[in-house]
Amino acid sequence: MANPFDKLAALRDHLPPGQAPAPAPTKARKLFLEKVVVRKVRKGHGGKTVTEIAGIAPAVQDELCGELKRALGCGARVEDGVVVLQGELVERAVAWLEKKGATRVIRGG
């Protein structure tokens, strides 16, 4: 059975050179600081366990907080420059941050 694209391959050398596609615009925003620290905390939250994430750039904290809420299915807020997730979600948060592009994620104690 003949490949229908064989005839087109022979014509490739006779086509005029085309323009390269324009590169897609990139977001040059920095999402994370040098290191991101993720730790679980109970103190000061009425005995409930929360996960704190420090090291997210201040300009995008609210945006990433919303994304984390949807991705992890939990409540979240920004307190004093730290994203606070409701529940013990350290491992899931670390995996999400690494997938998002954080290069140095530290699990705190």
C-alpha atoms as a PDB file:
ATOM      1  CA  MET A   1       0.000   0.000   0.000  1.00  0.00           C
ATOM      2  CA  ALA A   2       1.470   3.339  -1.046  1.00  0.00           C
ATOM      3  CA  ASN A   3       1.920   6.176   1.379  1.00  0.00           C
ATOM      4  CA  PRO A   4      -0.068   9.228   0.161  1.00  0.00           C
ATOM      5  CA  PHE A   5       2.625  11.561   1.455  1.00  0.00           C
ATOM      6  CA  ASP A   6       5.426  10.108  -0.706  1.00  0.00           C
ATOM      7  CA  LYS A   7       4.547  12.406  -3.643  1.00  0.00           C
ATOM      8  CA  LEU A   8       4.560  15.456  -1.349  1.00  0.00           C
ATOM      9  CA  ALA A   9       8.029  14.636  -0.041  1.00  0.00           C
ATOM     10  CA  ALA A  10       9.411  14.942  -3.576  1.00  0.00           C
ATOM     11  CA  LEU A  11       7.901  18.439  -3.903  1.00  0.00           C
ATOM     12  CA  ARG A  12       9.461  19.712  -0.656  1.00  0.00           C
ATOM     13  CA  ASP A  13      12.716  20.777  -2.366  1.00  0.00           C
ATOM     14  CA  HIS A  14      10.819  22.912  -4.910  1.00  0.00           C
ATOM     15  CA  LEU A  15       8.912  25.027  -2.376  1.00  0.00           C
ATOM     16  CA  PRO A  16      10.076  28.559  -1.512  1.00  0.00           C
ATOM     17  CA  PRO A  17      11.515  29.041   1.971  1.00  0.00           C
ATOM     18  CA  GLY A  18       8.861  29.945   4.502  1.00  0.00           C
ATOM     19  CA  GLN A  19       8.991  32.183   7.516  1.00  0.00           C
ATOM     20  CA  ALA A  20       9.626  30.665  10.884  1.00  0.00           C
ATOM     21  CA  PRO A  21       6.600  30.920  13.157  1.00  0.00           C
ATOM     22  CA  ALA A  22       6.748  33.736  15.675  1.00  0.00           C
ATOM     23  CA  PRO A  23       7.704  32.542  19.139  1.00  0.00           C
ATOM     24  CA  ALA A  24       4.855  32.398  21.595  1.00  0.00           C
ATOM     25  CA  PRO A  25       4.873  35.199  24.151  1.00  0.00           C
ATOM     26  CA  THR A  26       6.316  34.001  27.439  1.00  0.00           C
ATOM     27  CA  LYS A  27       5.431  35.047  30.921  1.00  0.00           C
ATOM     28  CA  ALA A  28       8.569  36.559  32.373  1.00  0.00           C
ATOM     29  CA  ARG A  29       7.121  36.680  35.862  1.00  0.00           C
ATOM     30  CA  LYS A  30       9.069  35.111  38.636  1.00  0.00           C
ATOM     31  CA  LEU A  31       6.768  32.855  40.653  1.00  0.00           C
ATOM     32  CA  PHE A  32       9.150  31.692  43.353  1.00  0.00           C
ATOM     33  CA  LEU A  33      11.995  33.114  45.405  1.00  0.00           C
ATOM     34  CA  GLU A  34      15.348  31.329  45.709  1.00  0.00           C
ATOM     35  CA  LYS A  35      13.922  28.602  47.939  1.00  0.00           C
ATOM     36  CA  VAL A  36      10.412  27.563  48.873  1.00  0.00           C
ATOM     37  CA  VAL A  37       9.803  26.144  52.353  1.00  0.00           C
ATOM     38  CA  VAL A  38       6.777  23.909  52.957  1.00  0.00           C
ATOM     39  CA  ARG A  39       6.000  22.863  56.531  1.00  0.00           C
ATOM     40  CA  LYS A  40       3.114  21.691  58.676  1.00  0.00           C
ATOM     41  CA  VAL A  41       2.164  23.764  61.716  1.00  0.00           C
ATOM     42  CA  ARG A  42      -0.398  23.432  64.525  1.00  0.00           C
ATOM     43  CA  LYS A  43       0.530  26.336  66.748  1.00  0.00           C
ATOM     44  CA  GLY A  44      -1.793  29.330  66.534  1.00  0.00           C
ATOM     45  CA  HIS A  45      -4.530  27.644  64.519  1.00  0.00           C
ATOM     46  CA  GLY A  46      -6.803  26.365  67.279  1.00  0.00           C
ATOM     47  CA  GLY A  47      -5.182  22.941  67.345  1.00  0.00           C
ATOM     48  CA  LYS A  48      -5.805  22.365  63.653  1.00  0.00           C
ATOM     49  CA  THR A  49      -2.979  21.320  61.362  1.00  0.00           C
ATOM     50  CA  VAL A  50      -2.160  23.656  58.484  1.00  0.00           C
ATOM     51  CA  THR A  51       0.519  23.642  55.803  1.00  0.00           C
ATOM     52  CA  GLU A  52       2.528  26.840  55.359  1.00  0.00           C
ATOM     53  CA  ILE A  53       4.342  27.711  52.133  1.00  0.00           C
ATOM     54  CA  ALA A  54       6.955  30.469  52.294  1.00  0.00           C
ATOM     55  CA  GLY A  55       9.021  31.620  49.313  1.00  0.00           C
ATOM     56  CA  ILE A  56       6.327  32.522  46.802  1.00  0.00           C
ATOM     57  CA  ALA A  57       6.950  35.872  45.101  1.00  0.00           C
ATOM     58  CA  PRO A  58       4.764  38.582  46.672  1.00  0.00           C
ATOM     59  CA  ALA A  59       3.379  39.709  43.310  1.00  0.00           C
ATOM     60  CA  VAL A  60       1.751  36.317  42.630  1.00  0.00           C
ATOM     61  CA  GLN A  61       0.870  35.057  46.119  1.00  0.00           C
ATOM     62  CA  ASP A  62      -2.875  35.622  45.780  1.00  0.00           C
ATOM     63  CA  GLU A  63      -2.973  34.047  42.314  1.00  0.00           C
ATOM     64  CA  LEU A  64      -1.009  30.943  43.337  1.00  0.00           C
ATOM     65  CA  CYS A  65      -3.064  30.676  46.526  1.00  0.00           C
ATOM     66  CA  GLY A  66      -6.201  30.348  44.388  1.00  0.00           C
ATOM     67  CA  GLU A  67      -4.533  27.801  42.119  1.00  0.00           C
ATOM     68  CA  LEU A  68      -3.419  25.749  45.129  1.00  0.00           C
ATOM     69  CA  LYS A  69      -6.957  25.788  46.550  1.00  0.00           C
ATOM     70  CA  ARG A  70      -8.368  24.377  43.325  1.00  0.00           C
ATOM     71  CA  ALA A  71      -5.544  21.903  42.689  1.00  0.00           C
ATOM     72  CA  LEU A  72      -5.432  20.444  46.207  1.00  0.00           C
ATOM     73  CA  GLY A  73      -9.109  20.800  47.081  1.00  0.00           C
ATOM     74  CA  CYS A  74      -8.587  22.643  50.350  1.00  0.00           C
ATOM     75  CA  GLY A  75      -9.049  26.045  51.913  1.00  0.00           C
ATOM     76  CA  ALA A  76      -6.166  28.488  51.589  1.00  0.00           C
ATOM     77  CA  ARG A  77      -5.277  32.073  52.444  1.00  0.00           C
ATOM     78  CA  VAL A  78      -2.287  34.413  52.490  1.00  0.00           C
ATOM     79  CA  GLU A  79      -1.109  35.499  55.966  1.00  0.00           C
ATOM     80  CA  ASP A  80       1.912  37.800  56.389  1.00  0.00           C
ATOM     81  CA  GLY A  81       3.492  36.747  53.079  1.00  0.00           C
ATOM     82  CA  VAL A  82       2.954  33.020  53.705  1.00  0.00           C
ATOM     83  CA  VAL A  83       0.362  30.863  51.947  1.00  0.00           C
ATOM     84  CA  VAL A  84      -1.549  28.815  54.520  1.00  0.00           C
ATOM     85  CA  LEU A  85      -3.347  25.645  53.382  1.00  0.00           C
ATOM     86  CA  GLN A  86      -5.920  23.972  55.606  1.00  0.00           C
ATOM     87  CA  GLY A  87      -4.828  20.428  56.411  1.00  0.00           C
ATOM     88  CA  GLU A  88      -1.665  18.365  56.343  1.00  0.00           C
ATOM     89  CA  LEU A  89      -0.783  18.640  52.654  1.00  0.00           C
ATOM     90  CA  VAL A  90       3.017  18.892  52.640  1.00  0.00           C
ATOM     91  CA  GLU A  91       3.741  16.119  50.118  1.00  0.00           C
ATOM     92  CA  ARG A  92       0.942  17.125  47.737  1.00  0.00           C
ATOM     93  CA  ALA A  93       1.956  20.794  47.935  1.00  0.00           C
ATOM     94  CA  VAL A  94       5.623  19.956  47.235  1.00  0.00           C
ATOM     95  CA  ALA A  95       4.642  17.891  44.186  1.00  0.00           C
ATOM     96  CA  TRP A  96       2.443  20.731  42.875  1.00  0.00           C
ATOM     97  CA  LEU A  97       5.140  23.365  43.429  1.00  0.00           C
ATOM     98  CA  GLU A  98       7.770  21.275  41.622  1.00  0.00           C
ATOM     99  CA  LYS A  99       5.381  20.713  38.735  1.00  0.00           C
ATOM    100  CA  LYS A 100       4.788  24.485  38.623  1.00  0.00           C
ATOM    101  CA  GLY A 101       8.537  25.129  38.296  1.00  0.00           C
ATOM    102  CA  ALA A 102       9.949  25.605  41.800  1.00  0.00           C
ATOM    103  CA  THR A 103      13.514  24.320  41.694  1.00  0.00           C
ATOM    104  CA  ARG A 104      14.456  24.327  45.373  1.00  0.00           C
ATOM    105  CA  VAL A 105      11.626  23.108  47.599  1.00  0.00           C
ATOM    106  CA  ILE A 106      12.478  22.341  51.225  1.00  0.00           C
ATOM    107  CA  ARG A 107      10.259  20.338  53.572  1.00  0.00           C
ATOM    108  CA  GLY A 108      10.407  22.066  56.933  1.00  0.00           C
ATOM    109  CA  GLY A 109       9.706  20.581  60.328  1.00  0.00           C
END
